[in-house]
Amino acid sequence: MKRILFCVVLALGGCGTAPESLYGWGSFPQQTYLMYSAPGKALPSEQIIQLESELEKSRAKSLAVPPGLYAHLGLMYLQINNAQKAGEYFQLERQVYPESTVLMDRILKKMNMKSEPPQS
């Protein structure tokens, strides 16, 4: 009887703790949702400040940066015409998440096409 009671207590005790997240999501999902649902409320400059802050918090807690965050930051920098910083974040997304290589390479290629002067 004691053995059964011990197993039940042990099993229920394990259910009470929430698993730790591998990623430091922070406000990234909310920022992304807001950007698409109410674009006027999610200005790129404000998102940059918020997401850069989330990056620092994730690093401080030794949590991994969630997939897509670097790419999203790159997009925000591109929207405020900072192509250099955007390219850095797109390359970082490609390095950290190799499965995004094809998409990031396409974006970087289009960025390079825009920045090159027209050939005569």
PDB file of N, CA and C in Angstrom:
ATOM      1  N   MET A   1       0.820  -1.193   0.000  1.00  0.00           N
ATOM      2  CA  MET A   1       0.000   0.000   0.000  1.00  0.00           C
ATOM      3  C   MET A   1       0.863   1.255   0.000  1.00  0.00           C
ATOM      4  N   LYS A   2       1.921   1.235   0.827  1.00  0.00           N
ATOM      5  CA  LYS A   2       2.811   2.393   0.879  1.00  0.00           C
ATOM      6  C   LYS A   2       3.483   2.622  -0.474  1.00  0.00           C
ATOM      7  N   ARG A   3       3.800   1.532  -1.121  1.00  0.00           N
ATOM      8  CA  ARG A   3       4.467   1.624  -2.415  1.00  0.00           C
ATOM      9  C   ARG A   3       3.537   2.269  -3.457  1.00  0.00           C
ATOM     10  N   ILE A   4       2.283   1.893  -3.454  1.00  0.00           N
ATOM     11  CA  ILE A   4       1.308   2.458  -4.394  1.00  0.00           C
ATOM     12  C   ILE A   4       1.102   3.932  -4.098  1.00  0.00           C
ATOM     13  N   LEU A   5       0.966   4.272  -2.812  1.00  0.00           N
ATOM     14  CA  LEU A   5       0.783   5.667  -2.418  1.00  0.00           C
ATOM     15  C   LEU A   5       1.997   6.503  -2.831  1.00  0.00           C
ATOM     16  N   PHE A   6       3.185   5.956  -2.644  1.00  0.00           N
ATOM     17  CA  PHE A   6       4.408   6.658  -3.037  1.00  0.00           C
ATOM     18  C   PHE A   6       4.434   6.910  -4.547  1.00  0.00           C
ATOM     19  N   CYS A   7       4.050   5.921  -5.345  1.00  0.00           N
ATOM     20  CA  CYS A   7       4.033   6.063  -6.804  1.00  0.00           C
ATOM     21  C   CYS A   7       3.014   7.111  -7.246  1.00  0.00           C
ATOM     22  N   VAL A   8       1.850   7.136  -6.589  1.00  0.00           N
ATOM     23  CA  VAL A   8       0.820   8.118  -6.930  1.00  0.00           C
ATOM     24  C   VAL A   8       1.307   9.527  -6.599  1.00  0.00           C
ATOM     25  N   VAL A   9       1.900   9.706  -5.434  1.00  0.00           N
ATOM     26  CA  VAL A   9       2.413  11.019  -5.028  1.00  0.00           C
ATOM     27  C   VAL A   9       3.531  11.463  -5.967  1.00  0.00           C
ATOM     28  N   LEU A  10       4.406  10.558  -6.320  1.00  0.00           N
ATOM     29  CA  LEU A  10       5.500  10.868  -7.227  1.00  0.00           C
ATOM     30  C   LEU A  10       4.969  11.273  -8.606  1.00  0.00           C
ATOM     31  N   ALA A  11       3.985  10.548  -9.100  1.00  0.00           N
ATOM     32  CA  ALA A  11       3.408  10.851 -10.410  1.00  0.00           C
ATOM     33  C   ALA A  11       2.689  12.194 -10.405  1.00  0.00           C
ATOM     34  N   LEU A  12       1.922  12.463  -9.376  1.00  0.00           N
ATOM     35  CA  LEU A  12       1.207  13.730  -9.294  1.00  0.00           C
ATOM     36  C   LEU A  12       2.155  14.899  -9.068  1.00  0.00           C
ATOM     37  N   GLY A  13       3.214  14.668  -8.344  1.00  0.00           N
ATOM     38  CA  GLY A  13       4.199  15.729  -8.119  1.00  0.00           C
ATOM     39  C   GLY A  13       4.878  16.146  -9.405  1.00  0.00           C
ATOM     40  N   GLY A  14       5.103  15.211 -10.299  1.00  0.00           N
ATOM     41  CA  GLY A  14       5.709  15.515 -11.583  1.00  0.00           C
ATOM     42  C   GLY A  14       4.791  16.303 -12.493  1.00  0.00           C
ATOM     43  N   CYS A  15       3.500  16.184 -12.289  1.00  0.00           N
ATOM     44  CA  CYS A  15       2.534  16.898 -13.127  1.00  0.00           C
ATOM     45  C   CYS A  15       2.431  18.375 -12.756  1.00  0.00           C
ATOM     46  N   GLY A  16       2.864  18.729 -11.586  1.00  0.00           N
ATOM     47  CA  GLY A  16       2.693  20.094 -11.114  1.00  0.00           C
ATOM     48  C   GLY A  16       3.705  21.082 -11.639  1.00  0.00           C
ATOM     49  N   THR A  17       4.772  20.623 -12.230  1.00  0.00           N
ATOM     50  CA  THR A  17       5.794  21.551 -12.697  1.00  0.00           C
ATOM     51  C   THR A  17       5.681  21.740 -14.197  1.00  0.00           C
ATOM     52  N   ALA A  18       5.771  22.969 -14.630  1.00  0.00           N
ATOM     53  CA  ALA A  18       5.735  23.272 -16.060  1.00  0.00           C
ATOM     54  C   ALA A  18       7.130  23.085 -16.656  1.00  0.00           C
ATOM     55  N   PRO A  19       7.200  22.507 -17.832  1.00  0.00           N
ATOM     56  CA  PRO A  19       8.516  22.320 -18.451  1.00  0.00           C
ATOM     57  C   PRO A  19       9.130  23.666 -18.841  1.00  0.00           C
ATOM     58  N   GLU A  20      10.431  23.750 -18.712  1.00  0.00           N
ATOM     59  CA  GLU A  20      11.145  24.959 -19.110  1.00  0.00           C
ATOM     60  C   GLU A  20      11.188  25.033 -20.622  1.00  0.00           C
ATOM     61  N   SER A  21      11.064  26.228 -21.139  1.00  0.00           N
ATOM     62  CA  SER A  21      11.114  26.420 -22.577  1.00  0.00           C
ATOM     63  C   SER A  21      12.567  26.419 -23.044  1.00  0.00           C
ATOM     64  N   LEU A  22      12.794  25.854 -24.188  1.00  0.00           N
ATOM     65  CA  LEU A  22      14.122  25.845 -24.785  1.00  0.00           C
ATOM     66  C   LEU A  22      14.467  27.231 -25.315  1.00  0.00           C
ATOM     67  N   TYR A  23      13.434  27.964 -25.745  1.00  0.00           N
ATOM     68  CA  TYR A  23      13.636  29.268 -26.364  1.00  0.00           C
ATOM     69  C   TYR A  23      13.164  30.402 -25.461  1.00  0.00           C
ATOM     70  N   GLY A  24      13.772  31.550 -25.640  1.00  0.00           N
ATOM     71  CA  GLY A  24      13.337  32.751 -24.944  1.00  0.00           C
ATOM     72  C   GLY A  24      12.365  33.511 -25.830  1.00  0.00           C
ATOM     73  N   TRP A  25      11.106  33.085 -25.855  1.00  0.00           N
ATOM     74  CA  TRP A  25      10.117  33.661 -26.761  1.00  0.00           C
ATOM     75  C   TRP A  25       9.797  35.109 -26.430  1.00  0.00           C
ATOM     76  N   GLY A  26       9.690  35.443 -25.166  1.00  0.00           N
ATOM     77  CA  GLY A  26       9.373  36.810 -24.775  1.00  0.00           C
ATOM     78  C   GLY A  26       8.134  37.314 -25.486  1.00  0.00           C
ATOM     79  N   SER A  27       8.208  38.497 -26.044  1.00  0.00           N
ATOM     80  CA  SER A  27       7.048  39.097 -26.719  1.00  0.00           C
ATOM     81  C   SER A  27       7.062  38.851 -28.233  1.00  0.00           C
ATOM     82  N   PHE A  28       7.972  38.022 -28.710  1.00  0.00           N
ATOM     83  CA  PHE A  28       8.085  37.785 -30.148  1.00  0.00           C
ATOM     84  C   PHE A  28       6.770  37.323 -30.782  1.00  0.00           C
ATOM     85  N   PRO A  29       6.067  36.317 -30.226  1.00  0.00           N
ATOM     86  CA  PRO A  29       4.799  35.917 -30.854  1.00  0.00           C
ATOM     87  C   PRO A  29       3.766  37.049 -30.879  1.00  0.00           C
ATOM     88  N   GLN A  30       3.695  37.819 -29.802  1.00  0.00           N
ATOM     89  CA  GLN A  30       2.741  38.921 -29.758  1.00  0.00           C
ATOM     90  C   GLN A  30       3.105  40.011 -30.766  1.00  0.00           C
ATOM     91  N   GLN A  31       4.398  40.304 -30.892  1.00  0.00           N
ATOM     92  CA  GLN A  31       4.851  41.314 -31.848  1.00  0.00           C
ATOM     93  C   GLN A  31       4.510  40.900 -33.277  1.00  0.00           C
ATOM     94  N   THR A  32       4.732  39.640 -33.585  1.00  0.00           N
ATOM     95  CA  THR A  32       4.446  39.135 -34.922  1.00  0.00           C
ATOM     96  C   THR A  32       2.948  39.184 -35.199  1.00  0.00           C
ATOM     97  N   TYR A  33       2.156  38.747 -34.239  1.00  0.00           N
ATOM     98  CA  TYR A  33       0.707  38.785 -34.405  1.00  0.00           C
ATOM     99  C   TYR A  33       0.219  40.216 -34.597  1.00  0.00           C
ATOM    100  N   LEU A  34       0.712  41.114 -33.771  1.00  0.00           N
ATOM    101  CA  LEU A  34       0.306  42.512 -33.846  1.00  0.00           C
ATOM    102  C   LEU A  34       0.678  43.125 -35.194  1.00  0.00           C
ATOM    103  N   MET A  35       1.835  42.751 -35.711  1.00  0.00           N
ATOM    104  CA  MET A  35       2.292  43.294 -36.989  1.00  0.00           C
ATOM    105  C   MET A  35       1.301  42.956 -38.109  1.00  0.00           C
ATOM    106  N   TYR A  36       0.749  41.748 -38.078  1.00  0.00           N
ATOM    107  CA  TYR A  36      -0.168  41.333 -39.137  1.00  0.00           C
ATOM    108  C   TYR A  36      -1.619  41.708 -38.850  1.00  0.00           C
ATOM    109  N   SER A  37      -2.010  41.739 -37.583  1.00  0.00           N
ATOM    110  CA  SER A  37      -3.407  42.014 -37.260  1.00  0.00           C
ATOM    111  C   SER A  37      -3.712  43.504 -37.167  1.00  0.00           C
ATOM    112  N   ALA A  38      -2.752  44.295 -36.698  1.00  0.00           N
ATOM    113  CA  ALA A  38      -2.957  45.739 -36.562  1.00  0.00           C
ATOM    114  C   ALA A  38      -1.656  46.452 -36.901  1.00  0.00           C
ATOM    115  N   PRO A  39      -1.323  46.536 -38.187  1.00  0.00           N
ATOM    116  CA  PRO A  39      -0.012  47.072 -38.592  1.00  0.00           C
ATOM    117  C   PRO A  39       0.308  48.457 -38.027  1.00  0.00           C
ATOM    118  N   GLY A  40      -0.678  49.297 -37.848  1.00  0.00           N
ATOM    119  CA  GLY A  40      -0.421  50.634 -37.328  1.00  0.00           C
ATOM    120  C   GLY A  40       0.040  50.645 -35.880  1.00  0.00           C
ATOM    121  N   LYS A  41      -0.254  49.566 -35.150  1.00  0.00           N
ATOM    122  CA  LYS A  41       0.126  49.484 -33.740  1.00  0.00           C
ATOM    123  C   LYS A  41       1.496  48.856 -33.542  1.00  0.00           C
ATOM    124  N   ALA A  42       2.068  48.310 -34.594  1.00  0.00           N
ATOM    125  CA  ALA A  42       3.360  47.619 -34.493  1.00  0.00           C
ATOM    126  C   ALA A  42       4.352  48.286 -35.427  1.00  0.00           C
ATOM    127  N   LEU A  43       4.794  49.454 -35.060  1.00  0.00           N
ATOM    128  CA  LEU A  43       5.764  50.174 -35.880  1.00  0.00           C
ATOM    129  C   LEU A  43       7.106  49.456 -35.857  1.00  0.00           C
ATOM    130  N   PRO A  44       7.796  49.402 -36.992  1.00  0.00           N
ATOM    131  CA  PRO A  44       9.080  48.696 -37.044  1.00  0.00           C
ATOM    132  C   PRO A  44      10.083  49.185 -35.994  1.00  0.00           C
ATOM    133  N   SER A  45      10.168  50.487 -35.791  1.00  0.00           N
ATOM    134  CA  SER A  45      11.137  51.009 -34.818  1.00  0.00           C
ATOM    135  C   SER A  45      10.815  50.546 -33.403  1.00  0.00           C
ATOM    136  N   GLU A  46       9.536  50.465 -33.061  1.00  0.00           N
ATOM    137  CA  GLU A  46       9.147  49.985 -31.734  1.00  0.00           C
ATOM    138  C   GLU A  46       9.412  48.491 -31.591  1.00  0.00           C
ATOM    139  N   GLN A  47       9.135  47.735 -32.663  1.00  0.00           N
ATOM    140  CA  GLN A  47       9.397  46.299 -32.619  1.00  0.00           C
ATOM    141  C   GLN A  47      10.887  46.019 -32.467  1.00  0.00           C
ATOM    142  N   ILE A  48      11.704  46.798 -33.131  1.00  0.00           N
ATOM    143  CA  ILE A  48      13.155  46.614 -33.030  1.00  0.00           C
ATOM    144  C   ILE A  48      13.605  46.782 -31.587  1.00  0.00           C
ATOM    145  N   ILE A  49      13.152  47.844 -30.954  1.00  0.00           N
ATOM    146  CA  ILE A  49      13.525  48.096 -29.558  1.00  0.00           C
ATOM    147  C   ILE A  49      13.079  46.937 -28.672  1.00  0.00           C
ATOM    148  N   GLN A  50      11.818  46.521 -28.834  1.00  0.00           N
ATOM    149  CA  GLN A  50      11.267  45.444 -28.009  1.00  0.00           C
ATOM    150  C   GLN A  50      11.998  44.123 -28.239  1.00  0.00           C
ATOM    151  N   LEU A  51      12.232  43.774 -29.501  1.00  0.00           N
ATOM    152  CA  LEU A  51      12.850  42.483 -29.800  1.00  0.00           C
ATOM    153  C   LEU A  51      14.340  42.454 -29.480  1.00  0.00           C
ATOM    154  N   GLU A  52      15.019  43.584 -29.628  1.00  0.00           N
ATOM    155  CA  GLU A  52      16.425  43.648 -29.210  1.00  0.00           C
ATOM    156  C   GLU A  52      16.515  43.419 -27.698  1.00  0.00           C
ATOM    157  N   SER A  53      15.557  43.979 -26.965  1.00  0.00           N
ATOM    158  CA  SER A  53      15.496  43.770 -25.520  1.00  0.00           C
ATOM    159  C   SER A  53      15.255  42.294 -25.198  1.00  0.00           C
ATOM    160  N   GLU A  54      14.377  41.656 -25.964  1.00  0.00           N
ATOM    161  CA  GLU A  54      14.104  40.224 -25.764  1.00  0.00           C
ATOM    162  C   GLU A  54      15.357  39.381 -26.033  1.00  0.00           C
ATOM    163  N   LEU A  55      16.139  39.777 -27.034  1.00  0.00           N
ATOM    164  CA  LEU A  55      17.383  39.068 -27.317  1.00  0.00           C
ATOM    165  C   LEU A  55      18.325  39.120 -26.126  1.00  0.00           C
ATOM    166  N   GLU A  56      18.450  40.293 -25.533  1.00  0.00           N
ATOM    167  CA  GLU A  56      19.327  40.450 -24.366  1.00  0.00           C
ATOM    168  C   GLU A  56      18.845  39.598 -23.195  1.00  0.00           C
ATOM    169  N   LYS A  57      17.540  39.568 -22.978  1.00  0.00           N
ATOM    170  CA  LYS A  57      16.986  38.761 -21.885  1.00  0.00           C
ATOM    171  C   LYS A  57      17.253  37.277 -22.124  1.00  0.00           C
ATOM    172  N   SER A  58      17.086  36.836 -23.372  1.00  0.00           N
ATOM    173  CA  SER A  58      17.332  35.428 -23.701  1.00  0.00           C
ATOM    174  C   SER A  58      18.791  35.065 -23.464  1.00  0.00           C
ATOM    175  N   ARG A  59      19.682  35.944 -23.878  1.00  0.00           N
ATOM    176  CA  ARG A  59      21.118  35.682 -23.680  1.00  0.00           C
ATOM    177  C   ARG A  59      21.459  35.644 -22.198  1.00  0.00           C
ATOM    178  N   ALA A  60      20.855  36.536 -21.430  1.00  0.00           N
ATOM    179  CA  ALA A  60      21.127  36.574 -19.991  1.00  0.00           C
ATOM    180  C   ALA A  60      20.657  35.293 -19.306  1.00  0.00           C
ATOM    181  N   LYS A  61      19.581  34.704 -19.793  1.00  0.00           N
ATOM    182  CA  LYS A  61      19.041  33.471 -19.215  1.00  0.00           C
ATOM    183  C   LYS A  61      19.595  32.225 -19.898  1.00  0.00           C
ATOM    184  N   SER A  62      20.500  32.398 -20.829  1.00  0.00           N
ATOM    185  CA  SER A  62      21.087  31.299 -21.608  1.00  0.00           C
ATOM    186  C   SER A  62      20.022  30.491 -22.356  1.00  0.00           C
ATOM    187  N   LEU A  63      19.007  31.184 -22.851  1.00  0.00           N
ATOM    188  CA  LEU A  63      17.978  30.535 -23.655  1.00  0.00           C
ATOM    189  C   LEU A  63      18.279  30.765 -25.129  1.00  0.00           C
ATOM    190  N   ALA A  64      17.900  29.813 -25.940  1.00  0.00           N
ATOM    191  CA  ALA A  64      18.112  29.939 -27.382  1.00  0.00           C
ATOM    192  C   ALA A  64      17.142  30.967 -27.962  1.00  0.00           C
ATOM    193  N   VAL A  65      17.595  31.639 -28.991  1.00  0.00           N
ATOM    194  CA  VAL A  65      16.750  32.596 -29.701  1.00  0.00           C
ATOM    195  C   VAL A  65      15.763  31.784 -30.538  1.00  0.00           C
ATOM    196  N   PRO A  66      14.470  32.107 -30.457  1.00  0.00           N
ATOM    197  CA  PRO A  66      13.496  31.295 -31.192  1.00  0.00           C
ATOM    198  C   PRO A  66      13.648  31.415 -32.696  1.00  0.00           C
ATOM    199  N   PRO A  67      13.263  30.377 -33.416  1.00  0.00           N
ATOM    200  CA  PRO A  67      13.343  30.416 -34.875  1.00  0.00           C
ATOM    201  C   PRO A  67      12.512  31.566 -35.428  1.00  0.00           C
ATOM    202  N   GLY A  68      13.082  32.295 -36.349  1.00  0.00           N
ATOM    203  CA  GLY A  68      12.375  33.381 -36.998  1.00  0.00           C
ATOM    204  C   GLY A  68      12.610  34.746 -36.389  1.00  0.00           C
ATOM    205  N   LEU A  69      13.124  34.820 -35.170  1.00  0.00           N
ATOM    206  CA  LEU A  69      13.296  36.121 -34.530  1.00  0.00           C
ATOM    207  C   LEU A  69      14.344  36.961 -35.243  1.00  0.00           C
ATOM    208  N   TYR A  70      15.465  36.361 -35.594  1.00  0.00           N
ATOM    209  CA  TYR A  70      16.492  37.114 -36.316  1.00  0.00           C
ATOM    210  C   TYR A  70      15.960  37.578 -37.681  1.00  0.00           C
ATOM    211  N   ALA A  71      15.219  36.705 -38.352  1.00  0.00           N
ATOM    212  CA  ALA A  71      14.661  37.069 -39.657  1.00  0.00           C
ATOM    213  C   ALA A  71      13.636  38.192 -39.507  1.00  0.00           C
ATOM    214  N   HIS A  72      12.841  38.123 -38.455  1.00  0.00           N
ATOM    215  CA  HIS A  72      11.851  39.170 -38.219  1.00  0.00           C
ATOM    216  C   HIS A  72      12.541  40.502 -37.938  1.00  0.00           C
ATOM    217  N   LEU A  73      13.583  40.470 -37.141  1.00  0.00           N
ATOM    218  CA  LEU A  73      14.337  41.695 -36.892  1.00  0.00           C
ATOM    219  C   LEU A  73      14.950  42.228 -38.182  1.00  0.00           C
ATOM    220  N   GLY A  74      15.450  41.328 -39.015  1.00  0.00           N
ATOM    221  CA  GLY A  74      15.984  41.749 -40.304  1.00  0.00           C
ATOM    222  C   GLY A  74      14.927  42.453 -41.140  1.00  0.00           C
ATOM    223  N   LEU A  75      13.726  41.911 -41.136  1.00  0.00           N
ATOM    224  CA  LEU A  75      12.625  42.522 -41.873  1.00  0.00           C
ATOM    225  C   LEU A  75      12.306  43.911 -41.316  1.00  0.00           C
ATOM    226  N   MET A  76      12.312  44.043 -40.005  1.00  0.00           N
ATOM    227  CA  MET A  76      12.023  45.346 -39.391  1.00  0.00           C
ATOM    228  C   MET A  76      13.093  46.373 -39.765  1.00  0.00           C
ATOM    229  N   TYR A  77      14.358  45.948 -39.748  1.00  0.00           N
ATOM    230  CA  TYR A  77      15.434  46.862 -40.145  1.00  0.00           C
ATOM    231  C   TYR A  77      15.320  47.230 -41.621  1.00  0.00           C
ATOM    232  N   LEU A  78      14.888  46.287 -42.430  1.00  0.00           N
ATOM    233  CA  LEU A  78      14.706  46.570 -43.853  1.00  0.00           C
ATOM    234  C   LEU A  78      13.594  47.603 -44.057  1.00  0.00           C
ATOM    235  N   GLN A  79      12.567  47.526 -43.227  1.00  0.00           N
ATOM    236  CA  GLN A  79      11.459  48.479 -43.350  1.00  0.00           C
ATOM    237  C   GLN A  79      11.849  49.898 -42.945  1.00  0.00           C
ATOM    238  N   ILE A  80      12.889  50.033 -42.121  1.00  0.00           N
ATOM    239  CA  ILE A  80      13.342  51.385 -41.770  1.00  0.00           C
ATOM    240  C   ILE A  80      14.579  51.769 -42.593  1.00  0.00           C
ATOM    241  N   ASN A  81      14.803  51.052 -43.682  1.00  0.00           N
ATOM    242  CA  ASN A  81      15.878  51.331 -44.643  1.00  0.00           C
ATOM    243  C   ASN A  81      17.286  51.173 -44.078  1.00  0.00           C
ATOM    244  N   ASN A  82      17.470  50.206 -43.201  1.00  0.00           N
ATOM    245  CA  ASN A  82      18.796  49.882 -42.700  1.00  0.00           C
ATOM    246  C   ASN A  82      19.163  48.500 -43.255  1.00  0.00           C
ATOM    247  N   ALA A  83      19.545  48.478 -44.532  1.00  0.00           N
ATOM    248  CA  ALA A  83      19.817  47.219 -45.226  1.00  0.00           C
ATOM    249  C   ALA A  83      21.019  46.479 -44.650  1.00  0.00           C
ATOM    250  N   GLN A  84      22.005  47.206 -44.161  1.00  0.00           N
ATOM    251  CA  GLN A  84      23.186  46.550 -43.606  1.00  0.00           C
ATOM    252  C   GLN A  84      22.818  45.724 -42.374  1.00  0.00           C
ATOM    253  N   LYS A  85      22.089  46.323 -41.452  1.00  0.00           N
ATOM    254  CA  LYS A  85      21.684  45.622 -40.230  1.00  0.00           C
ATOM    255  C   LYS A  85      20.711  44.490 -40.572  1.00  0.00           C
ATOM    256  N   ALA A  86      19.828  44.722 -41.543  1.00  0.00           N
ATOM    257  CA  ALA A  86      18.892  43.682 -41.975  1.00  0.00           C
ATOM    258  C   ALA A  86      19.661  42.470 -42.500  1.00  0.00           C
ATOM    259  N   GLY A  87      20.657  42.722 -43.339  1.00  0.00           N
ATOM    260  CA  GLY A  87      21.461  41.634 -43.886  1.00  0.00           C
ATOM    261  C   GLY A  87      22.180  40.853 -42.804  1.00  0.00           C
ATOM    262  N   GLU A  88      22.669  41.553 -41.777  1.00  0.00           N
ATOM    263  CA  GLU A  88      23.337  40.880 -40.665  1.00  0.00           C
ATOM    264  C   GLU A  88      22.381  39.920 -39.961  1.00  0.00           C
ATOM    265  N   TYR A  89      21.152  40.371 -39.730  1.00  0.00           N
ATOM    266  CA  TYR A  89      20.186  39.503 -39.053  1.00  0.00           C
ATOM    267  C   TYR A  89      19.723  38.356 -39.937  1.00  0.00           C
ATOM    268  N   PHE A  90      19.580  38.574 -41.239  1.00  0.00           N
ATOM    269  CA  PHE A  90      19.218  37.474 -42.136  1.00  0.00           C
ATOM    270  C   PHE A  90      20.328  36.426 -42.164  1.00  0.00           C
ATOM    271  N   GLN A  91      21.578  36.869 -42.178  1.00  0.00           N
ATOM    272  CA  GLN A  91      22.695  35.922 -42.157  1.00  0.00           C
ATOM    273  C   GLN A  91      22.760  35.179 -40.825  1.00  0.00           C
ATOM    274  N   LEU A  92      22.451  35.883 -39.745  1.00  0.00           N
ATOM    275  CA  LEU A  92      22.448  35.244 -38.430  1.00  0.00           C
ATOM    276  C   LEU A  92      21.353  34.182 -38.351  1.00  0.00           C
ATOM    277  N   GLU A  93      20.194  34.480 -38.900  1.00  0.00           N
ATOM    278  CA  GLU A  93      19.100  33.490 -38.935  1.00  0.00           C
ATOM    279  C   GLU A  93      19.548  32.251 -39.702  1.00  0.00           C
ATOM    280  N   ARG A  94      20.225  32.463 -40.806  1.00  0.00           N
ATOM    281  CA  ARG A  94      20.708  31.346 -41.633  1.00  0.00           C
ATOM    282  C   ARG A  94      21.741  30.512 -40.877  1.00  0.00           C
ATOM    283  N   GLN A  95      22.603  31.165 -40.121  1.00  0.00           N
ATOM    284  CA  GLN A  95      23.636  30.447 -39.372  1.00  0.00           C
ATOM    285  C   GLN A  95      23.046  29.646 -38.222  1.00  0.00           C
ATOM    286  N   VAL A  96      22.142  30.256 -37.479  1.00  0.00           N
ATOM    287  CA  VAL A  96      21.587  29.601 -36.294  1.00  0.00           C
ATOM    288  C   VAL A  96      20.585  28.518 -36.684  1.00  0.00           C
ATOM    289  N   TYR A  97      19.815  28.771 -37.729  1.00  0.00           N
ATOM    290  CA  TYR A  97      18.811  27.811 -38.191  1.00  0.00           C
ATOM    291  C   TYR A  97      19.061  27.476 -39.655  1.00  0.00           C
ATOM    292  N   PRO A  98      19.916  26.482 -39.913  1.00  0.00           N
ATOM    293  CA  PRO A  98      20.287  26.135 -41.288  1.00  0.00           C
ATOM    294  C   PRO A  98      19.087  25.776 -42.169  1.00  0.00           C
ATOM    295  N   GLU A  99      17.980  25.352 -41.574  1.00  0.00           N
ATOM    296  CA  GLU A  99      16.808  25.017 -42.372  1.00  0.00           C
ATOM    297  C   GLU A  99      16.200  26.258 -43.041  1.00  0.00           C
ATOM    298  N   SER A 100      16.614  27.441 -42.620  1.00  0.00           N
ATOM    299  CA  SER A 100      16.119  28.674 -43.228  1.00  0.00           C
ATOM    300  C   SER A 100      17.037  29.182 -44.341  1.00  0.00           C
ATOM    301  N   THR A 101      18.063  28.429 -44.674  1.00  0.00           N
ATOM    302  CA  THR A 101      19.072  28.873 -45.634  1.00  0.00           C
ATOM    303  C   THR A 101      18.477  29.282 -46.981  1.00  0.00           C
ATOM    304  N   VAL A 102      17.591  28.469 -47.536  1.00  0.00           N
ATOM    305  CA  VAL A 102      17.039  28.769 -48.858  1.00  0.00           C
ATOM    306  C   VAL A 102      16.296  30.104 -48.836  1.00  0.00           C
ATOM    307  N   LEU A 103      15.442  30.297 -47.846  1.00  0.00           N
ATOM    308  CA  LEU A 103      14.680  31.542 -47.754  1.00  0.00           C
ATOM    309  C   LEU A 103      15.595  32.735 -47.497  1.00  0.00           C
ATOM    310  N   MET A 104      16.525  32.594 -46.561  1.00  0.00           N
ATOM    311  CA  MET A 104      17.419  33.708 -46.246  1.00  0.00           C
ATOM    312  C   MET A 104      18.303  34.062 -47.443  1.00  0.00           C
ATOM    313  N   ASP A 105      18.766  33.049 -48.172  1.00  0.00           N
ATOM    314  CA  ASP A 105      19.574  33.318 -49.368  1.00  0.00           C
ATOM    315  C   ASP A 105      18.771  34.074 -50.423  1.00  0.00           C
ATOM    316  N   ARG A 106      17.506  33.718 -50.585  1.00  0.00           N
ATOM    317  CA  ARG A 106      16.658  34.427 -51.552  1.00  0.00           C
ATOM    318  C   ARG A 106      16.469  35.883 -51.144  1.00  0.00           C
ATOM    319  N   ILE A 107      16.226  36.102 -49.866  1.00  0.00           N
ATOM    320  CA  ILE A 107      16.041  37.475 -49.382  1.00  0.00           C
ATOM    321  C   ILE A 107      17.322  38.277 -49.569  1.00  0.00           C
ATOM    322  N   LEU A 108      18.452  37.688 -49.191  1.00  0.00           N
ATOM    323  CA  LEU A 108      19.735  38.382 -49.335  1.00  0.00           C
ATOM    324  C   LEU A 108      20.040  38.665 -50.809  1.00  0.00           C
ATOM    325  N   LYS A 109      19.703  37.738 -51.686  1.00  0.00           N
ATOM    326  CA  LYS A 109      19.934  37.948 -53.112  1.00  0.00           C
ATOM    327  C   LYS A 109      19.089  39.112 -53.621  1.00  0.00           C
ATOM    328  N   LYS A 110      17.824  39.166 -53.206  1.00  0.00           N
ATOM    329  CA  LYS A 110      16.955  40.278 -53.628  1.00  0.00           C
ATOM    330  C   LYS A 110      17.458  41.594 -53.063  1.00  0.00           C
ATOM    331  N   MET A 111      17.968  41.572 -51.850  1.00  0.00           N
ATOM    332  CA  MET A 111      18.513  42.794 -51.262  1.00  0.00           C
ATOM    333  C   MET A 111      19.715  43.275 -52.058  1.00  0.00           C
ATOM    334  N   ASN A 112      20.585  42.353 -52.457  1.00  0.00           N
ATOM    335  CA  ASN A 112      21.766  42.715 -53.230  1.00  0.00           C
ATOM    336  C   ASN A 112      21.386  43.242 -54.613  1.00  0.00           C
ATOM    337  N   MET A 113      20.328  42.693 -55.173  1.00  0.00           N
ATOM    338  CA  MET A 113      19.869  43.166 -56.480  1.00  0.00           C
ATOM    339  C   MET A 113      19.385  44.611 -56.384  1.00  0.00           C
ATOM    340  N   LYS A 114      18.736  44.933 -55.285  1.00  0.00           N
ATOM    341  CA  LYS A 114      18.220  46.297 -55.107  1.00  0.00           C
ATOM    342  C   LYS A 114      19.351  47.290 -54.865  1.00  0.00           C
ATOM    343  N   SER A 115      20.399  46.831 -54.187  1.00  0.00           N
ATOM    344  CA  SER A 115      21.477  47.767 -53.844  1.00  0.00           C
ATOM    345  C   SER A 115      22.482  47.957 -54.967  1.00  0.00           C
ATOM    346  N   GLU A 116      22.500  47.038 -55.951  1.00  0.00           N
ATOM    347  CA  GLU A 116      23.437  47.176 -57.061  1.00  0.00           C
ATOM    348  C   GLU A 116      22.932  48.225 -58.040  1.00  0.00           C
ATOM    349  N   PRO A 117      23.833  49.050 -58.568  1.00  0.00           N
ATOM    350  CA  PRO A 117      23.404  50.044 -59.565  1.00  0.00           C
ATOM    351  C   PRO A 117      22.997  49.349 -60.854  1.00  0.00           C
ATOM    352  N   PRO A 118      22.054  49.929 -61.587  1.00  0.00           N
ATOM    353  CA  PRO A 118      21.627  49.318 -62.857  1.00  0.00           C
ATOM    354  C   PRO A 118      22.786  49.299 -63.859  1.00  0.00           C
ATOM    355  N   GLN A 119      22.877  48.202 -64.577  1.00  0.00           N
ATOM    356  CA  GLN A 119      23.960  48.074 -65.567  1.00  0.00           C
ATOM    357  C   GLN A 119      23.481  48.626 -66.906  1.00  0.00           C
ATOM    358  N   SER A 120      24.397  49.328 -67.584  1.00  0.00           N
ATOM    359  CA  SER A 120      24.020  49.915 -68.875  1.00  0.00           C
ATOM    360  C   SER A 120      24.535  49.089 -70.004  1.00  0.00           C
TER     361      SER A 120
END
